[in-house]
Every structure is written in C-alpha cells, then in structure tokens.
Amino acid sequence: MADLYEEIVSLRREGRKAALATIVNVRGSIPSFASAKMLVRDDGSISGTIGGGCVEAEVWQAAREVIEQ
C-alpha cells in the first residue's frame, strides 16, 4: 500500500491528477476487502484493485469524472 502513496506523491510532483478509491465498508460477499484501494491516474491507468468487475468499472468512471473537474 505504501507504493500507492508514493505514486500519489510522484504524480503530484509531476503536476498530474489522480483519484484514490478505497473500500470503507463491506456487506455480504465481495471479491475484495475493506481498505482495498485503487488509484486512478489522469490518463485512465490504474494501480491496485477494489475487486474488479462492474463495480470497479463504475468506480473507475466516477474517478475519471472527478479528475476532470
């Protein structure tokens, strides 16, 4: 996880934008865990995962919208 934070610092130094998505609560069965993180960079690339599938795709899209604001 420290690598994600180092990546954020590096991106900020380069003047780039990114969004960090974190699972904060889990109910039921999911393919991930609370505190899982996914970093979405301004070019759309990611590091980490919050479980994949449709939910991760929706979070990726929301992160891209936030980055563009």
N, C-alpha and C. Protein backbone atom coordinates (compact mmCIF):
# COMPACT_ATOMS: atom_id res chain seq x y z
N MET A 1 0.82 -1.19 0.00
CA MET A 1 0.00 0.00 0.00
C MET A 1 0.86 1.25 0.00
N ALA A 2 2.01 1.21 0.65
CA ALA A 2 2.88 2.38 0.66
C ALA A 2 3.24 2.80 -0.76
N ASP A 3 3.32 1.82 -1.67
CA ASP A 3 3.64 2.14 -3.05
C ASP A 3 2.60 3.05 -3.69
N LEU A 4 1.33 2.85 -3.34
CA LEU A 4 0.28 3.73 -3.88
C LEU A 4 0.47 5.16 -3.40
N TYR A 5 0.81 5.32 -2.14
CA TYR A 5 1.01 6.67 -1.61
C TYR A 5 2.26 7.31 -2.22
N GLU A 6 3.30 6.52 -2.45
CA GLU A 6 4.48 7.05 -3.12
C GLU A 6 4.14 7.47 -4.55
N GLU A 7 3.29 6.69 -5.20
CA GLU A 7 2.84 7.03 -6.55
C GLU A 7 2.06 8.34 -6.56
N ILE A 8 1.21 8.54 -5.55
CA ILE A 8 0.45 9.79 -5.45
C ILE A 8 1.40 10.98 -5.31
N VAL A 9 2.40 10.85 -4.46
CA VAL A 9 3.38 11.92 -4.27
C VAL A 9 4.10 12.20 -5.59
N SER A 10 4.49 11.15 -6.29
CA SER A 10 5.18 11.30 -7.57
C SER A 10 4.30 12.01 -8.60
N LEU A 11 3.04 11.61 -8.67
CA LEU A 11 2.12 12.25 -9.61
C LEU A 11 1.94 13.73 -9.28
N ARG A 12 1.80 14.05 -8.01
CA ARG A 12 1.64 15.45 -7.60
C ARG A 12 2.86 16.27 -8.00
N ARG A 13 4.05 15.70 -7.80
CA ARG A 13 5.28 16.41 -8.17
C ARG A 13 5.34 16.68 -9.67
N GLU A 14 4.75 15.78 -10.45
CA GLU A 14 4.72 15.94 -11.91
C GLU A 14 3.58 16.84 -12.36
N GLY A 15 2.75 17.30 -11.42
CA GLY A 15 1.62 18.15 -11.76
C GLY A 15 0.44 17.39 -12.34
N ARG A 16 0.42 16.08 -12.11
CA ARG A 16 -0.66 15.25 -12.64
C ARG A 16 -1.74 15.05 -11.59
N LYS A 17 -2.92 14.63 -12.05
CA LYS A 17 -4.05 14.40 -11.17
C LYS A 17 -4.32 12.90 -11.06
N ALA A 18 -4.96 12.54 -9.94
CA ALA A 18 -5.35 11.15 -9.72
C ALA A 18 -6.45 11.12 -8.66
N ALA A 19 -7.12 9.98 -8.59
CA ALA A 19 -8.14 9.77 -7.56
C ALA A 19 -7.86 8.43 -6.90
N LEU A 20 -8.04 8.38 -5.59
CA LEU A 20 -7.82 7.15 -4.83
C LEU A 20 -9.16 6.66 -4.31
N ALA A 21 -9.57 5.48 -4.75
CA ALA A 21 -10.82 4.86 -4.29
C ALA A 21 -10.47 3.84 -3.21
N THR A 22 -11.23 3.86 -2.12
CA THR A 22 -10.99 2.95 -1.01
C THR A 22 -12.30 2.32 -0.56
N ILE A 23 -12.31 1.00 -0.38
CA ILE A 23 -13.48 0.33 0.18
C ILE A 23 -13.47 0.58 1.67
N VAL A 24 -14.53 1.19 2.18
CA VAL A 24 -14.59 1.54 3.60
C VAL A 24 -15.53 0.65 4.39
N ASN A 25 -16.44 -0.06 3.71
CA ASN A 25 -17.39 -0.91 4.41
C ASN A 25 -17.77 -2.06 3.49
N VAL A 26 -17.88 -3.25 4.06
CA VAL A 26 -18.24 -4.43 3.28
C VAL A 26 -19.46 -5.08 3.90
N ARG A 27 -20.44 -5.38 3.06
CA ARG A 27 -21.60 -6.15 3.49
C ARG A 27 -21.75 -7.32 2.54
N GLY A 28 -21.91 -8.49 3.07
CA GLY A 28 -22.06 -9.67 2.23
C GLY A 28 -20.74 -10.12 1.66
N SER A 29 -20.83 -10.91 0.62
CA SER A 29 -19.66 -11.50 -0.01
C SER A 29 -19.23 -10.65 -1.20
N ILE A 30 -17.97 -10.25 -1.19
CA ILE A 30 -17.42 -9.48 -2.32
C ILE A 30 -16.03 -10.04 -2.63
N PRO A 31 -15.53 -9.81 -3.84
CA PRO A 31 -14.21 -10.34 -4.21
C PRO A 31 -13.06 -9.44 -3.74
N SER A 32 -13.26 -8.71 -2.65
CA SER A 32 -12.21 -7.83 -2.13
C SER A 32 -12.37 -7.72 -0.62
N PHE A 33 -11.88 -6.65 -0.03
CA PHE A 33 -11.90 -6.50 1.42
C PHE A 33 -11.94 -5.02 1.79
N ALA A 34 -12.38 -4.74 3.01
CA ALA A 34 -12.38 -3.35 3.49
C ALA A 34 -10.95 -2.85 3.49
N SER A 35 -10.75 -1.65 3.09
CA SER A 35 -9.48 -0.92 2.96
C SER A 35 -8.76 -1.20 1.64
N ALA A 36 -9.33 -2.03 0.76
CA ALA A 36 -8.73 -2.23 -0.57
C ALA A 36 -8.73 -0.89 -1.30
N LYS A 37 -7.68 -0.64 -2.08
CA LYS A 37 -7.53 0.65 -2.74
C LYS A 37 -7.23 0.49 -4.23
N MET A 38 -7.69 1.48 -5.00
CA MET A 38 -7.39 1.55 -6.42
C MET A 38 -7.08 3.01 -6.76
N LEU A 39 -5.91 3.24 -7.32
CA LEU A 39 -5.50 4.57 -7.75
C LEU A 39 -5.81 4.71 -9.23
N VAL A 40 -6.56 5.74 -9.59
CA VAL A 40 -6.89 6.02 -10.99
C VAL A 40 -6.15 7.29 -11.38
N ARG A 41 -5.27 7.17 -12.37
CA ARG A 41 -4.48 8.32 -12.83
C ARG A 41 -5.24 9.11 -13.90
N ASP A 42 -4.77 10.33 -14.15
CA ASP A 42 -5.42 11.20 -15.13
C ASP A 42 -5.40 10.64 -16.54
N ASP A 43 -4.54 9.68 -16.83
CA ASP A 43 -4.53 9.06 -18.15
C ASP A 43 -5.42 7.81 -18.21
N GLY A 44 -6.11 7.51 -17.10
CA GLY A 44 -7.02 6.37 -17.05
C GLY A 44 -6.39 5.09 -16.56
N SER A 45 -5.08 5.06 -16.42
CA SER A 45 -4.43 3.85 -15.93
C SER A 45 -4.68 3.70 -14.43
N ILE A 46 -4.56 2.47 -13.94
CA ILE A 46 -4.84 2.21 -12.53
C ILE A 46 -3.71 1.43 -11.88
N SER A 47 -3.66 1.51 -10.56
CA SER A 47 -2.82 0.66 -9.72
C SER A 47 -3.72 0.16 -8.61
N GLY A 48 -3.58 -1.09 -8.26
CA GLY A 48 -4.41 -1.67 -7.22
C GLY A 48 -5.75 -2.10 -7.78
N THR A 49 -6.59 -2.63 -6.90
CA THR A 49 -7.90 -3.10 -7.31
C THR A 49 -8.86 -3.04 -6.13
N ILE A 50 -10.12 -2.84 -6.43
CA ILE A 50 -11.14 -2.91 -5.39
C ILE A 50 -12.07 -4.10 -5.65
N GLY A 51 -11.59 -5.04 -6.45
CA GLY A 51 -12.34 -6.27 -6.64
C GLY A 51 -12.68 -6.62 -8.07
N GLY A 52 -12.49 -5.70 -8.99
CA GLY A 52 -12.77 -5.99 -10.39
C GLY A 52 -14.25 -5.92 -10.72
N GLY A 53 -14.57 -6.34 -11.91
CA GLY A 53 -15.95 -6.43 -12.34
C GLY A 53 -16.64 -5.10 -12.57
N CYS A 54 -17.97 -5.17 -12.55
CA CYS A 54 -18.81 -4.00 -12.86
C CYS A 54 -18.63 -2.86 -11.87
N VAL A 55 -18.51 -3.19 -10.58
CA VAL A 55 -18.37 -2.14 -9.57
C VAL A 55 -17.06 -1.39 -9.77
N GLU A 56 -15.98 -2.11 -10.03
CA GLU A 56 -14.71 -1.44 -10.26
C GLU A 56 -14.79 -0.55 -11.49
N ALA A 57 -15.47 -1.00 -12.53
CA ALA A 57 -15.63 -0.19 -13.74
C ALA A 57 -16.41 1.09 -13.44
N GLU A 58 -17.45 0.99 -12.62
CA GLU A 58 -18.23 2.17 -12.25
C GLU A 58 -17.39 3.14 -11.41
N VAL A 59 -16.60 2.61 -10.50
CA VAL A 59 -15.73 3.46 -9.68
C VAL A 59 -14.68 4.12 -10.55
N TRP A 60 -14.13 3.38 -11.51
CA TRP A 60 -13.14 3.95 -12.43
C TRP A 60 -13.76 5.13 -13.18
N GLN A 61 -14.97 4.96 -13.68
CA GLN A 61 -15.65 6.04 -14.42
C GLN A 61 -15.90 7.25 -13.52
N ALA A 62 -16.35 7.01 -12.30
CA ALA A 62 -16.59 8.11 -11.36
C ALA A 62 -15.29 8.83 -11.04
N ALA A 63 -14.21 8.09 -10.87
CA ALA A 63 -12.91 8.70 -10.59
C ALA A 63 -12.46 9.57 -11.76
N ARG A 64 -12.66 9.09 -12.98
CA ARG A 64 -12.29 9.88 -14.16
C ARG A 64 -13.07 11.19 -14.21
N GLU A 65 -14.34 11.14 -13.85
CA GLU A 65 -15.16 12.36 -13.84
C GLU A 65 -14.66 13.34 -12.78
N VAL A 66 -14.29 12.83 -11.61
CA VAL A 66 -13.77 13.69 -10.54
C VAL A 66 -12.45 14.33 -10.98
N ILE A 67 -11.59 13.54 -11.59
CA ILE A 67 -10.29 14.06 -12.05
C ILE A 67 -10.48 15.18 -13.06
N GLU A 68 -11.47 15.06 -13.93
CA GLU A 68 -11.70 16.06 -14.97
C GLU A 68 -12.30 17.36 -14.44
N GLN A 69 -12.86 17.34 -13.25
CA GLN A 69 -13.48 18.55 -12.67
C GLN A 69 -12.44 19.55 -12.23
